[in-house]
């Protein structure tokens, strides 16, 4: 009888241990716990040769994971690390009535208290998308390749974040005041970070050289600037993306339409190259009366074609010259006008 009793007690112990272990394993494999652990493991920032990208959204999520909202985390991990962006950019572009939301610690703490809880499902979906693409690795890889390709080094700070007012998506005020907003429901945020980042970084490398360009405010400048950023993206991915994808992710049929109408388009639009108003058919498709069916990204496509012809004429690596050339020189040395005139 005693022996049997011992066996029963041992069996009960095994059963209880098994229950505890199962419970522990269940807790460890809880999807929400795993997700938060992945967020914690994200780098606060990635820095490669002067370009820093800050994952501010990380702390905007983690501030809500304790028993109480962690307002100190918002101040020290969201506001302070990129205070110039919040104070001088967000505080300025959204008007005086909204500036206090961004250029004070109280304002930052207040909207961050409610923004994540009210949008938890969507914000978590966005964060999981970035985790699934291995965000740290993609950023490190893209910044490293950018610095290998571009002959002119830049300094820039870009934050990936949530904000209570949509208005920037990807952009900012100056090189050290840039951001990528995760709020836009229509945006393909993984595509923007992986494929759009090289395009935007090229603008930052190109624009300092425009200060002394006589046509820096012209429609031609905007056309060359955007076309060059698109061409650089195509070079960046070693031709592994199509040319039409590099031009604002347009469709192949859009590209074909442009090529079929290339001569007529150029002859119609060249008169607007000098325009500085921004209100012209080259920059605004809705004003293009002859071609109402023209697809999006007209000046991006035309700029790409000018850069493409420049490289064809001057050599495979000659795209590096374009950073320092005035926009009129790029057009003249591309041979694009001669190419157009030879089209029958």
C-alpha atoms as a PDB file:
ATOM      1  CA  UNK A   1       0.000   0.000   0.000  1.00  0.00           C
ATOM      2  CA  UNK A   2       2.800   2.391   0.875  1.00  0.00           C
ATOM      3  CA  UNK A   3       4.508   1.678  -2.419  1.00  0.00           C
ATOM      4  CA  UNK A   4       1.317   2.362  -4.306  1.00  0.00           C
ATOM      5  CA  UNK A   5       0.864   5.672  -2.463  1.00  0.00           C
ATOM      6  CA  UNK A   6       4.298   6.814  -3.465  1.00  0.00           C
ATOM      7  CA  UNK A   7       3.604   6.012  -7.077  1.00  0.00           C
ATOM      8  CA  UNK A   8       0.356   7.997  -7.013  1.00  0.00           C
ATOM      9  CA  UNK A   9       2.057  11.038  -5.493  1.00  0.00           C
ATOM     10  CA  UNK A  10       4.856  10.852  -8.047  1.00  0.00           C
ATOM     11  CA  UNK A  11       2.323  10.577 -10.834  1.00  0.00           C
ATOM     12  CA  UNK A  12       0.499  13.638  -9.524  1.00  0.00           C
ATOM     13  CA  UNK A  13       3.798  15.566  -9.420  1.00  0.00           C
ATOM     14  CA  UNK A  14       4.548  14.618 -13.021  1.00  0.00           C
ATOM     15  CA  UNK A  15       1.077  15.708 -14.059  1.00  0.00           C
ATOM     16  CA  UNK A  16       1.373  19.092 -12.292  1.00  0.00           C
ATOM     17  CA  UNK A  17       4.865  19.690 -13.728  1.00  0.00           C
ATOM     18  CA  UNK A  18       3.582  18.877 -17.176  1.00  0.00           C
ATOM     19  CA  UNK A  19       0.729  21.381 -16.748  1.00  0.00           C
ATOM     20  CA  UNK A  20       3.122  24.097 -15.598  1.00  0.00           C
ATOM     21  CA  UNK A  21       5.488  23.445 -18.502  1.00  0.00           C
ATOM     22  CA  UNK A  22       2.642  23.509 -21.028  1.00  0.00           C
ATOM     23  CA  UNK A  23       1.414  26.806 -19.571  1.00  0.00           C
ATOM     24  CA  UNK A  24       4.930  28.250 -19.689  1.00  0.00           C
ATOM     25  CA  UNK A  25       5.416  27.161 -23.296  1.00  0.00           C
ATOM     26  CA  UNK A  26       2.036  28.615 -24.181  1.00  0.00           C
ATOM     27  CA  UNK A  27       3.037  31.960 -22.638  1.00  0.00           C
ATOM     28  CA  UNK A  28       6.334  31.939 -24.508  1.00  0.00           C
ATOM     29  CA  UNK A  29       4.654  31.322 -27.846  1.00  0.00           C
ATOM     30  CA  UNK A  30       1.982  33.978 -27.347  1.00  0.00           C
ATOM     31  CA  UNK A  31       1.953  35.902 -30.660  1.00  0.00           C
ATOM     32  CA  UNK A  32       1.489  39.260 -28.904  1.00  0.00           C
ATOM     33  CA  UNK A  33       4.441  38.585 -26.583  1.00  0.00           C
ATOM     34  CA  UNK A  34       6.599  37.524 -29.515  1.00  0.00           C
ATOM     35  CA  UNK A  35       5.634  40.646 -31.422  1.00  0.00           C
ATOM     36  CA  UNK A  36       6.537  42.961 -28.545  1.00  0.00           C
ATOM     37  CA  UNK A  37       9.818  41.125 -28.057  1.00  0.00           C
ATOM     38  CA  UNK A  38      10.622  41.674 -31.737  1.00  0.00           C
ATOM     39  CA  UNK A  39       9.836  45.376 -31.366  1.00  0.00           C
ATOM     40  CA  UNK A  40      12.182  45.581 -28.383  1.00  0.00           C
ATOM     41  CA  UNK A  41      14.941  43.926 -30.411  1.00  0.00           C
ATOM     42  CA  UNK A  42      14.744  46.539 -33.185  1.00  0.00           C
ATOM     43  CA  UNK A  43      17.617  49.005 -33.205  1.00  0.00           C
ATOM     44  CA  UNK A  44      16.799  52.493 -31.964  1.00  0.00           C
ATOM     45  CA  UNK A  45      18.690  53.754 -34.996  1.00  0.00           C
ATOM     46  CA  UNK A  46      20.852  52.677 -37.928  1.00  0.00           C
ATOM     47  CA  UNK A  47      23.797  54.856 -38.920  1.00  0.00           C
ATOM     48  CA  UNK A  48      25.999  54.487 -41.986  1.00  0.00           C
ATOM     49  CA  UNK A  49      28.542  57.174 -42.889  1.00  0.00           C
ATOM     50  CA  UNK A  50      26.554  60.195 -41.780  1.00  0.00           C
ATOM     51  CA  UNK A  51      23.045  58.978 -42.633  1.00  0.00           C
ATOM     52  CA  UNK A  52      21.000  58.033 -39.575  1.00  0.00           C
ATOM     53  CA  UNK A  53      17.562  56.440 -39.638  1.00  0.00           C
ATOM     54  CA  UNK A  54      15.749  56.402 -36.301  1.00  0.00           C
ATOM     55  CA  UNK A  55      13.027  53.862 -35.487  1.00  0.00           C
ATOM     56  CA  UNK A  56      10.969  56.233 -33.326  1.00  0.00           C
ATOM     57  CA  UNK A  57       7.825  54.152 -33.867  1.00  0.00           C
ATOM     58  CA  UNK A  58       9.460  51.462 -31.703  1.00  0.00           C
ATOM     59  CA  UNK A  59       9.168  53.561 -28.539  1.00  0.00           C
ATOM     60  CA  UNK A  60       5.762  54.903 -29.549  1.00  0.00           C
ATOM     61  CA  UNK A  61       4.543  51.299 -29.291  1.00  0.00           C
ATOM     62  CA  UNK A  62       6.597  50.221 -26.261  1.00  0.00           C
ATOM     63  CA  UNK A  63       5.432  53.215 -24.209  1.00  0.00           C
ATOM     64  CA  UNK A  64       2.047  51.461 -23.978  1.00  0.00           C
ATOM     65  CA  UNK A  65       3.218  47.983 -22.994  1.00  0.00           C
ATOM     66  CA  UNK A  66       3.575  48.442 -19.218  1.00  0.00           C
ATOM     67  CA  UNK A  67       0.843  48.698 -16.636  1.00  0.00           C
ATOM     68  CA  UNK A  68       0.859  52.472 -17.216  1.00  0.00           C
ATOM     69  CA  UNK A  69       1.593  54.727 -20.174  1.00  0.00           C
ATOM     70  CA  UNK A  70       5.312  55.596 -20.123  1.00  0.00           C
ATOM     71  CA  UNK A  71       5.415  59.324 -20.846  1.00  0.00           C
ATOM     72  CA  UNK A  72       9.130  59.483 -20.006  1.00  0.00           C
ATOM     73  CA  UNK A  73       9.844  57.074 -22.874  1.00  0.00           C
ATOM     74  CA  UNK A  74       8.001  59.371 -25.268  1.00  0.00           C
ATOM     75  CA  UNK A  75      10.102  62.350 -24.181  1.00  0.00           C
ATOM     76  CA  UNK A  76      13.463  60.562 -24.081  1.00  0.00           C
ATOM     77  CA  UNK A  77      13.062  58.081 -26.956  1.00  0.00           C
ATOM     78  CA  UNK A  78      10.668  59.829 -29.370  1.00  0.00           C
ATOM     79  CA  UNK A  79      10.931  63.589 -28.847  1.00  0.00           C
ATOM     80  CA  UNK A  80      14.534  64.239 -27.785  1.00  0.00           C
ATOM     81  CA  UNK A  81      16.322  61.995 -30.347  1.00  0.00           C
ATOM     82  CA  UNK A  82      14.950  64.055 -33.265  1.00  0.00           C
ATOM     83  CA  UNK A  83      13.804  67.254 -31.588  1.00  0.00           C
ATOM     84  CA  UNK A  84      14.716  69.362 -34.633  1.00  0.00           C
ATOM     85  CA  UNK A  85      12.166  67.455 -36.699  1.00  0.00           C
ATOM     86  CA  UNK A  86       9.383  67.898 -34.148  1.00  0.00           C
ATOM     87  CA  UNK A  87      10.155  71.525 -33.224  1.00  0.00           C
ATOM     88  CA  UNK A  88      11.255  73.056 -36.509  1.00  0.00           C
ATOM     89  CA  UNK A  89       9.475  70.946 -39.111  1.00  0.00           C
ATOM     90  CA  UNK A  90       6.232  69.540 -37.704  1.00  0.00           C
ATOM     91  CA  UNK A  91       5.904  72.567 -35.438  1.00  0.00           C
ATOM     92  CA  UNK A  92       6.106  74.826 -38.479  1.00  0.00           C
ATOM     93  CA  UNK A  93       4.296  73.126 -41.376  1.00  0.00           C
ATOM     94  CA  UNK A  94       1.078  72.317 -39.533  1.00  0.00           C
ATOM     95  CA  UNK A  95       0.398  75.870 -38.418  1.00  0.00           C
ATOM     96  CA  UNK A  96       0.507  77.814 -35.196  1.00  0.00           C
ATOM     97  CA  UNK A  97      -2.650  76.144 -33.892  1.00  0.00           C
ATOM     98  CA  UNK A  98      -0.886  72.764 -33.964  1.00  0.00           C
ATOM     99  CA  UNK A  99       2.702  73.750 -33.156  1.00  0.00           C
ATOM    100  CA  UNK A 100       2.291  73.065 -29.405  1.00  0.00           C
ATOM    101  CA  UNK A 101       1.609  69.412 -30.196  1.00  0.00           C
ATOM    102  CA  UNK A 102       5.135  68.995 -31.503  1.00  0.00           C
ATOM    103  CA  UNK A 103       7.444  71.598 -29.978  1.00  0.00           C
ATOM    104  CA  UNK A 104       6.619  70.938 -26.316  1.00  0.00           C
ATOM    105  CA  UNK A 105       7.120  67.831 -24.187  1.00  0.00           C
ATOM    106  CA  UNK A 106       3.569  68.213 -22.853  1.00  0.00           C
ATOM    107  CA  UNK A 107       2.128  68.263 -26.354  1.00  0.00           C
ATOM    108  CA  UNK A 108       4.129  65.208 -27.466  1.00  0.00           C
ATOM    109  CA  UNK A 109       3.113  63.268 -24.355  1.00  0.00           C
ATOM    110  CA  UNK A 110      -0.558  64.188 -24.797  1.00  0.00           C
ATOM    111  CA  UNK A 111      -1.135  62.990 -28.379  1.00  0.00           C
ATOM    112  CA  UNK A 112       1.058  59.939 -27.972  1.00  0.00           C
ATOM    113  CA  UNK A 113      -1.067  58.919 -24.980  1.00  0.00           C
ATOM    114  CA  UNK A 114      -4.077  58.252 -27.213  1.00  0.00           C
ATOM    115  CA  UNK A 115      -2.761  57.825 -30.774  1.00  0.00           C
ATOM    116  CA  UNK A 116      -1.474  54.256 -30.487  1.00  0.00           C
ATOM    117  CA  UNK A 117      -4.396  52.856 -28.412  1.00  0.00           C
ATOM    118  CA  UNK A 118      -6.918  54.389 -30.814  1.00  0.00           C
ATOM    119  CA  UNK A 119      -5.131  52.968 -33.874  1.00  0.00           C
ATOM    120  CA  UNK A 120      -3.614  49.843 -32.338  1.00  0.00           C
ATOM    121  CA  UNK A 121      -4.745  47.341 -34.961  1.00  0.00           C
ATOM    122  CA  UNK A 122      -3.501  49.369 -37.922  1.00  0.00           C
ATOM    123  CA  UNK A 123      -0.286  50.540 -36.248  1.00  0.00           C
ATOM    124  CA  UNK A 124       0.592  46.992 -35.186  1.00  0.00           C
ATOM    125  CA  UNK A 125      -0.104  45.804 -38.717  1.00  0.00           C
ATOM    126  CA  UNK A 126       2.331  48.420 -40.028  1.00  0.00           C
ATOM    127  CA  UNK A 127       4.973  47.518 -37.463  1.00  0.00           C
ATOM    128  CA  UNK A 128       4.650  43.794 -38.231  1.00  0.00           C
ATOM    129  CA  UNK A 129       5.109  44.556 -41.918  1.00  0.00           C
ATOM    130  CA  UNK A 130       8.419  46.248 -41.116  1.00  0.00           C
ATOM    131  CA  UNK A 131       9.473  43.374 -38.871  1.00  0.00           C
ATOM    132  CA  UNK A 132       8.651  40.842 -41.586  1.00  0.00           C
ATOM    133  CA  UNK A 133      10.848  42.667 -44.081  1.00  0.00           C
ATOM    134  CA  UNK A 134      13.715  42.600 -41.555  1.00  0.00           C
ATOM    135  CA  UNK A 135      13.809  46.383 -41.237  1.00  0.00           C
ATOM    136  CA  UNK A 136      17.228  46.788 -39.600  1.00  0.00           C
ATOM    137  CA  UNK A 137      18.887  44.629 -42.239  1.00  0.00           C
ATOM    138  CA  UNK A 138      17.188  46.415 -45.160  1.00  0.00           C
ATOM    139  CA  UNK A 139      18.159  49.843 -43.823  1.00  0.00           C
ATOM    140  CA  UNK A 140      21.755  48.790 -43.216  1.00  0.00           C
ATOM    141  CA  UNK A 141      22.006  47.264 -46.689  1.00  0.00           C
ATOM    142  CA  UNK A 142      20.428  50.241 -48.493  1.00  0.00           C
ATOM    143  CA  UNK A 143      22.497  52.871 -46.697  1.00  0.00           C
ATOM    144  CA  UNK A 144      25.707  50.936 -47.281  1.00  0.00           C
ATOM    145  CA  UNK A 145      25.030  50.567 -51.008  1.00  0.00           C
ATOM    146  CA  UNK A 146      24.016  54.214 -51.321  1.00  0.00           C
ATOM    147  CA  UNK A 147      27.326  55.345 -49.853  1.00  0.00           C
ATOM    148  CA  UNK A 148      29.226  52.982 -52.130  1.00  0.00           C
ATOM    149  CA  UNK A 149      27.558  54.378 -55.253  1.00  0.00           C
ATOM    150  CA  UNK A 150      27.254  58.106 -54.620  1.00  0.00           C
ATOM    151  CA  UNK A 151      30.468  60.130 -54.983  1.00  0.00           C
ATOM    152  CA  UNK A 152      29.250  62.896 -52.652  1.00  0.00           C
ATOM    153  CA  UNK A 153      28.685  62.060 -48.992  1.00  0.00           C
ATOM    154  CA  UNK A 154      25.673  63.494 -47.231  1.00  0.00           C
ATOM    155  CA  UNK A 155      24.560  63.926 -43.651  1.00  0.00           C
ATOM    156  CA  UNK A 156      20.931  63.270 -42.944  1.00  0.00           C
ATOM    157  CA  UNK A 157      18.625  62.180 -40.134  1.00  0.00           C
ATOM    158  CA  UNK A 158      15.390  60.399 -41.038  1.00  0.00           C
ATOM    159  CA  UNK A 159      12.869  59.115 -38.518  1.00  0.00           C
ATOM    160  CA  UNK A 160      10.270  56.384 -39.055  1.00  0.00           C
ATOM    161  CA  UNK A 161       7.287  57.347 -36.940  1.00  0.00           C
ATOM    162  CA  UNK A 162       3.588  57.696 -36.223  1.00  0.00           C
ATOM    163  CA  UNK A 163       2.071  61.184 -36.184  1.00  0.00           C
ATOM    164  CA  UNK A 164      -1.395  62.562 -35.366  1.00  0.00           C
ATOM    165  CA  UNK A 165      -1.550  64.638 -38.554  1.00  0.00           C
ATOM    166  CA  UNK A 166      -0.804  63.226 -41.993  1.00  0.00           C
ATOM    167  CA  UNK A 167       1.112  65.580 -44.215  1.00  0.00           C
ATOM    168  CA  UNK A 168       4.622  64.487 -45.110  1.00  0.00           C
ATOM    169  CA  UNK A 169       4.594  60.729 -45.865  1.00  0.00           C
ATOM    170  CA  UNK A 170       8.268  60.746 -46.881  1.00  0.00           C
ATOM    171  CA  UNK A 171      10.089  64.064 -46.760  1.00  0.00           C
ATOM    172  CA  UNK A 172      10.838  66.932 -44.458  1.00  0.00           C
ATOM    173  CA  UNK A 173      12.314  70.400 -44.175  1.00  0.00           C
ATOM    174  CA  UNK A 174      16.080  69.912 -44.335  1.00  0.00           C
ATOM    175  CA  UNK A 175      18.543  67.002 -44.439  1.00  0.00           C
ATOM    176  CA  UNK A 176      18.457  66.607 -40.658  1.00  0.00           C
ATOM    177  CA  UNK A 177      14.669  66.950 -40.448  1.00  0.00           C
ATOM    178  CA  UNK A 178      13.302  64.103 -42.535  1.00  0.00           C
ATOM    179  CA  UNK A 179      10.758  61.432 -41.740  1.00  0.00           C
ATOM    180  CA  UNK A 180       8.789  58.483 -43.051  1.00  0.00           C
ATOM    181  CA  UNK A 181       5.234  58.497 -41.709  1.00  0.00           C
ATOM    182  CA  UNK A 182       3.592  55.128 -41.118  1.00  0.00           C
ATOM    183  CA  UNK A 183       0.056  56.534 -40.928  1.00  0.00           C
ATOM    184  CA  UNK A 184      -0.940  56.601 -44.590  1.00  0.00           C
ATOM    185  CA  UNK A 185      -3.262  53.641 -45.150  1.00  0.00           C
ATOM    186  CA  UNK A 186      -2.907  53.844 -48.925  1.00  0.00           C
ATOM    187  CA  UNK A 187       0.893  53.724 -48.922  1.00  0.00           C
ATOM    188  CA  UNK A 188       2.914  50.538 -49.421  1.00  0.00           C
ATOM    189  CA  UNK A 189       5.264  51.280 -46.572  1.00  0.00           C
ATOM    190  CA  UNK A 190       7.546  48.284 -47.126  1.00  0.00           C
ATOM    191  CA  UNK A 191       7.938  49.307 -50.786  1.00  0.00           C
ATOM    192  CA  UNK A 192       8.688  52.910 -49.774  1.00  0.00           C
ATOM    193  CA  UNK A 193      11.437  51.871 -47.375  1.00  0.00           C
ATOM    194  CA  UNK A 194      13.003  49.225 -49.583  1.00  0.00           C
ATOM    195  CA  UNK A 195      12.584  50.732 -53.064  1.00  0.00           C
ATOM    196  CA  UNK A 196      11.742  54.392 -52.406  1.00  0.00           C
ATOM    197  CA  UNK A 197      14.555  55.175 -49.968  1.00  0.00           C
ATOM    198  CA  UNK A 198      17.363  55.280 -52.605  1.00  0.00           C
ATOM    199  CA  UNK A 199      15.269  57.703 -54.717  1.00  0.00           C
ATOM    200  CA  UNK A 200      14.777  60.112 -51.822  1.00  0.00           C
ATOM    201  CA  UNK A 201      18.373  59.887 -50.625  1.00  0.00           C
ATOM    202  CA  UNK A 202      19.526  60.837 -54.111  1.00  0.00           C
ATOM    203  CA  UNK A 203      17.544  64.074 -53.849  1.00  0.00           C
ATOM    204  CA  UNK A 204      19.477  64.885 -50.678  1.00  0.00           C
ATOM    205  CA  UNK A 205      22.793  64.278 -52.436  1.00  0.00           C
ATOM    206  CA  UNK A 206      21.790  66.245 -55.546  1.00  0.00           C
ATOM    207  CA  UNK A 207      20.086  69.315 -54.125  1.00  0.00           C
ATOM    208  CA  UNK A 208      23.101  71.023 -52.439  1.00  0.00           C
ATOM    209  CA  UNK A 209      24.652  71.464 -55.900  1.00  0.00           C
ATOM    210  CA  UNK A 210      21.636  73.397 -57.149  1.00  0.00           C
ATOM    211  CA  UNK A 211      22.410  76.497 -55.094  1.00  0.00           C
ATOM    212  CA  UNK A 212      24.452  78.041 -57.924  1.00  0.00           C
ATOM    213  CA  UNK A 213      22.403  76.640 -60.787  1.00  0.00           C
ATOM    214  CA  UNK A 214      20.915  79.557 -62.798  1.00  0.00           C
ATOM    215  CA  UNK A 215      17.789  77.486 -63.420  1.00  0.00           C
ATOM    216  CA  UNK A 216      17.400  76.045 -59.930  1.00  0.00           C
ATOM    217  CA  UNK A 217      13.762  77.217 -59.689  1.00  0.00           C
ATOM    218  CA  UNK A 218      12.721  76.154 -63.173  1.00  0.00           C
ATOM    219  CA  UNK A 219      10.490  73.312 -64.327  1.00  0.00           C
ATOM    220  CA  UNK A 220      13.533  71.884 -66.132  1.00  0.00           C
ATOM    221  CA  UNK A 221      15.342  71.638 -62.812  1.00  0.00           C
ATOM    222  CA  UNK A 222      12.439  69.737 -61.224  1.00  0.00           C
ATOM    223  CA  UNK A 223      12.297  67.449 -64.248  1.00  0.00           C
ATOM    224  CA  UNK A 224      16.030  66.654 -64.156  1.00  0.00           C
ATOM    225  CA  UNK A 225      15.967  66.293 -60.358  1.00  0.00           C
ATOM    226  CA  UNK A 226      13.113  63.769 -60.327  1.00  0.00           C
ATOM    227  CA  UNK A 227      14.322  61.955 -63.435  1.00  0.00           C
ATOM    228  CA  UNK A 228      17.802  61.608 -61.946  1.00  0.00           C
ATOM    229  CA  UNK A 229      16.402  60.191 -58.684  1.00  0.00           C
ATOM    230  CA  UNK A 230      14.434  57.620 -60.708  1.00  0.00           C
ATOM    231  CA  UNK A 231      17.463  56.741 -62.833  1.00  0.00           C
ATOM    232  CA  UNK A 232      19.606  56.399 -59.711  1.00  0.00           C
ATOM    233  CA  UNK A 233      17.057  53.959 -58.236  1.00  0.00           C
ATOM    234  CA  UNK A 234      17.331  51.862 -61.393  1.00  0.00           C
ATOM    235  CA  UNK A 235      21.147  51.868 -61.094  1.00  0.00           C
ATOM    236  CA  UNK A 236      20.910  51.189 -57.354  1.00  0.00           C
ATOM    237  CA  UNK A 237      19.051  47.934 -57.943  1.00  0.00           C
ATOM    238  CA  UNK A 238      21.431  46.934 -60.723  1.00  0.00           C
ATOM    239  CA  UNK A 239      18.685  46.824 -63.323  1.00  0.00           C
ATOM    240  CA  UNK A 240      16.819  44.208 -61.261  1.00  0.00           C
ATOM    241  CA  UNK A 241      13.781  46.447 -61.332  1.00  0.00           C
ATOM    242  CA  UNK A 242      12.371  47.613 -64.654  1.00  0.00           C
ATOM    243  CA  UNK A 243      12.793  51.169 -65.865  1.00  0.00           C
ATOM    244  CA  UNK A 244       9.069  51.792 -65.586  1.00  0.00           C
ATOM    245  CA  UNK A 245       9.069  50.571 -61.981  1.00  0.00           C
ATOM    246  CA  UNK A 246      11.974  52.911 -61.223  1.00  0.00           C
ATOM    247  CA  UNK A 247       9.865  55.813 -62.510  1.00  0.00           C
ATOM    248  CA  UNK A 248       7.440  56.063 -59.595  1.00  0.00           C
ATOM    249  CA  UNK A 249       6.381  52.442 -59.998  1.00  0.00           C
ATOM    250  CA  UNK A 250       4.379  53.224 -63.149  1.00  0.00           C
ATOM    251  CA  UNK A 251       2.990  50.399 -65.268  1.00  0.00           C
ATOM    252  CA  UNK A 252       4.547  49.020 -68.426  1.00  0.00           C
ATOM    253  CA  UNK A 253       1.586  50.259 -70.447  1.00  0.00           C
ATOM    254  CA  UNK A 254       2.150  53.800 -69.071  1.00  0.00           C
ATOM    255  CA  UNK A 255       5.786  53.602 -70.153  1.00  0.00           C
ATOM    256  CA  UNK A 256       4.782  52.359 -73.620  1.00  0.00           C
ATOM    257  CA  UNK A 257       2.287  55.228 -73.973  1.00  0.00           C
ATOM    258  CA  UNK A 258       4.983  57.777 -73.187  1.00  0.00           C
ATOM    259  CA  UNK A 259       7.428  56.278 -75.667  1.00  0.00           C
ATOM    260  CA  UNK A 260       4.794  56.191 -78.396  1.00  0.00           C
ATOM    261  CA  UNK A 261       4.139  59.921 -77.846  1.00  0.00           C
ATOM    262  CA  UNK A 262       7.679  60.975 -76.950  1.00  0.00           C
ATOM    263  CA  UNK A 263       8.368  63.383 -79.823  1.00  0.00           C
ATOM    264  CA  UNK A 264       5.055  65.197 -79.627  1.00  0.00           C
ATOM    265  CA  UNK A 265       5.311  65.455 -75.844  1.00  0.00           C
ATOM    266  CA  UNK A 266       8.790  66.957 -75.875  1.00  0.00           C
ATOM    267  CA  UNK A 267       7.945  69.470 -78.597  1.00  0.00           C
ATOM    268  CA  UNK A 268       4.835  70.502 -76.676  1.00  0.00           C
ATOM    269  CA  UNK A 269       6.533  70.749 -73.284  1.00  0.00           C
ATOM    270  CA  UNK A 270       9.931  72.299 -74.027  1.00  0.00           C
ATOM    271  CA  UNK A 271       8.355  75.785 -73.920  1.00  0.00           C
ATOM    272  CA  UNK A 272       7.772  75.320 -70.176  1.00  0.00           C
ATOM    273  CA  UNK A 273      11.349  74.418 -69.206  1.00  0.00           C
ATOM    274  CA  UNK A 274      12.056  78.002 -68.073  1.00  0.00           C
ATOM    275  CA  UNK A 275       8.819  78.396 -66.114  1.00  0.00           C
ATOM    276  CA  UNK A 276       9.283  78.942 -62.375  1.00  0.00           C
ATOM    277  CA  UNK A 277       5.642  79.092 -61.315  1.00  0.00           C
ATOM    278  CA  UNK A 278       5.174  75.331 -60.981  1.00  0.00           C
ATOM    279  CA  UNK A 279       1.795  75.842 -62.623  1.00  0.00           C
ATOM    280  CA  UNK A 280       2.481  74.366 -66.053  1.00  0.00           C
ATOM    281  CA  UNK A 281       1.654  71.218 -68.065  1.00  0.00           C
ATOM    282  CA  UNK A 282       5.130  69.732 -67.587  1.00  0.00           C
ATOM    283  CA  UNK A 283       4.623  69.519 -63.827  1.00  0.00           C
ATOM    284  CA  UNK A 284       0.831  69.203 -63.843  1.00  0.00           C
ATOM    285  CA  UNK A 285      -0.773  66.598 -66.073  1.00  0.00           C
ATOM    286  CA  UNK A 286      -4.204  68.177 -65.634  1.00  0.00           C
ATOM    287  CA  UNK A 287      -3.034  71.175 -67.672  1.00  0.00           C
ATOM    288  CA  UNK A 288      -1.776  69.077 -70.585  1.00  0.00           C
ATOM    289  CA  UNK A 289      -4.586  69.777 -73.066  1.00  0.00           C
ATOM    290  CA  UNK A 290      -3.108  67.905 -76.038  1.00  0.00           C
ATOM    291  CA  UNK A 291      -2.657  64.720 -74.038  1.00  0.00           C
ATOM    292  CA  UNK A 292      -5.478  64.431 -71.544  1.00  0.00           C
ATOM    293  CA  UNK A 293      -4.881  60.683 -71.352  1.00  0.00           C
ATOM    294  CA  UNK A 294      -1.232  61.099 -70.268  1.00  0.00           C
ATOM    295  CA  UNK A 295      -0.396  58.807 -67.314  1.00  0.00           C
ATOM    296  CA  UNK A 296       1.000  60.060 -64.015  1.00  0.00           C
ATOM    297  CA  UNK A 297       4.601  61.118 -63.436  1.00  0.00           C
ATOM    298  CA  UNK A 298       5.111  63.009 -66.702  1.00  0.00           C
ATOM    299  CA  UNK A 299       8.140  65.072 -65.623  1.00  0.00           C
ATOM    300  CA  UNK A 300       9.650  62.057 -63.808  1.00  0.00           C
ATOM    301  CA  UNK A 301       9.497  60.038 -67.023  1.00  0.00           C
ATOM    302  CA  UNK A 302      10.844  62.851 -69.210  1.00  0.00           C
ATOM    303  CA  UNK A 303      13.671  63.512 -66.753  1.00  0.00           C
ATOM    304  CA  UNK A 304      14.526  59.811 -66.725  1.00  0.00           C
ATOM    305  CA  UNK A 305      14.731  59.773 -70.527  1.00  0.00           C
ATOM    306  CA  UNK A 306      17.048  62.803 -70.579  1.00  0.00           C
ATOM    307  CA  UNK A 307      19.354  61.169 -68.004  1.00  0.00           C
ATOM    308  CA  UNK A 308      19.205  57.889 -69.893  1.00  0.00           C
ATOM    309  CA  UNK A 309      20.305  59.595 -73.116  1.00  0.00           C
ATOM    310  CA  UNK A 310      23.037  61.468 -71.261  1.00  0.00           C
ATOM    311  CA  UNK A 311      24.490  58.173 -70.021  1.00  0.00           C
ATOM    312  CA  UNK A 312      24.168  56.515 -73.436  1.00  0.00           C
ATOM    313  CA  UNK A 313      26.187  59.360 -74.949  1.00  0.00           C
ATOM    314  CA  UNK A 314      28.768  59.896 -72.204  1.00  0.00           C
ATOM    315  CA  UNK A 315      29.434  56.433 -70.754  1.00  0.00           C
ATOM    316  CA  UNK A 316      27.977  53.989 -68.230  1.00  0.00           C
ATOM    317  CA  UNK A 317      29.345  55.777 -65.148  1.00  0.00           C
ATOM    318  CA  UNK A 318      28.681  59.290 -66.417  1.00  0.00           C
ATOM    319  CA  UNK A 319      25.477  59.548 -64.335  1.00  0.00           C
ATOM    320  CA  UNK A 320      27.834  60.523 -61.483  1.00  0.00           C
ATOM    321  CA  UNK A 321      28.610  63.776 -63.361  1.00  0.00           C
ATOM    322  CA  UNK A 322      25.031  64.940 -63.044  1.00  0.00           C
ATOM    323  CA  UNK A 323      25.274  65.910 -59.373  1.00  0.00           C
ATOM    324  CA  UNK A 324      27.534  68.845 -60.251  1.00  0.00           C
ATOM    325  CA  UNK A 325      26.214  69.811 -63.703  1.00  0.00           C
ATOM    326  CA  UNK A 326      23.723  72.633 -64.173  1.00  0.00           C
ATOM    327  CA  UNK A 327      20.413  71.313 -65.485  1.00  0.00           C
ATOM    328  CA  UNK A 328      20.731  73.073 -68.847  1.00  0.00           C
ATOM    329  CA  UNK A 329      24.144  71.442 -69.329  1.00  0.00           C
ATOM    330  CA  UNK A 330      22.613  68.035 -68.619  1.00  0.00           C
ATOM    331  CA  UNK A 331      19.991  68.605 -71.303  1.00  0.00           C
ATOM    332  CA  UNK A 332      22.508  69.967 -73.818  1.00  0.00           C
ATOM    333  CA  UNK A 333      25.075  67.215 -73.259  1.00  0.00           C
ATOM    334  CA  UNK A 334      22.488  64.446 -73.301  1.00  0.00           C
ATOM    335  CA  UNK A 335      21.825  64.762 -77.024  1.00  0.00           C
ATOM    336  CA  UNK A 336      18.153  64.281 -76.196  1.00  0.00           C
ATOM    337  CA  UNK A 337      16.922  67.045 -78.504  1.00  0.00           C
ATOM    338  CA  UNK A 338      18.885  65.558 -81.412  1.00  0.00           C
ATOM    339  CA  UNK A 339      17.409  62.152 -80.568  1.00  0.00           C
ATOM    340  CA  UNK A 340      13.909  63.655 -80.633  1.00  0.00           C
ATOM    341  CA  UNK A 341      14.506  65.349 -83.971  1.00  0.00           C
ATOM    342  CA  UNK A 342      15.548  62.019 -85.521  1.00  0.00           C
ATOM    343  CA  UNK A 343      12.278  60.325 -84.531  1.00  0.00           C
ATOM    344  CA  UNK A 344      10.033  60.064 -87.578  1.00  0.00           C
END
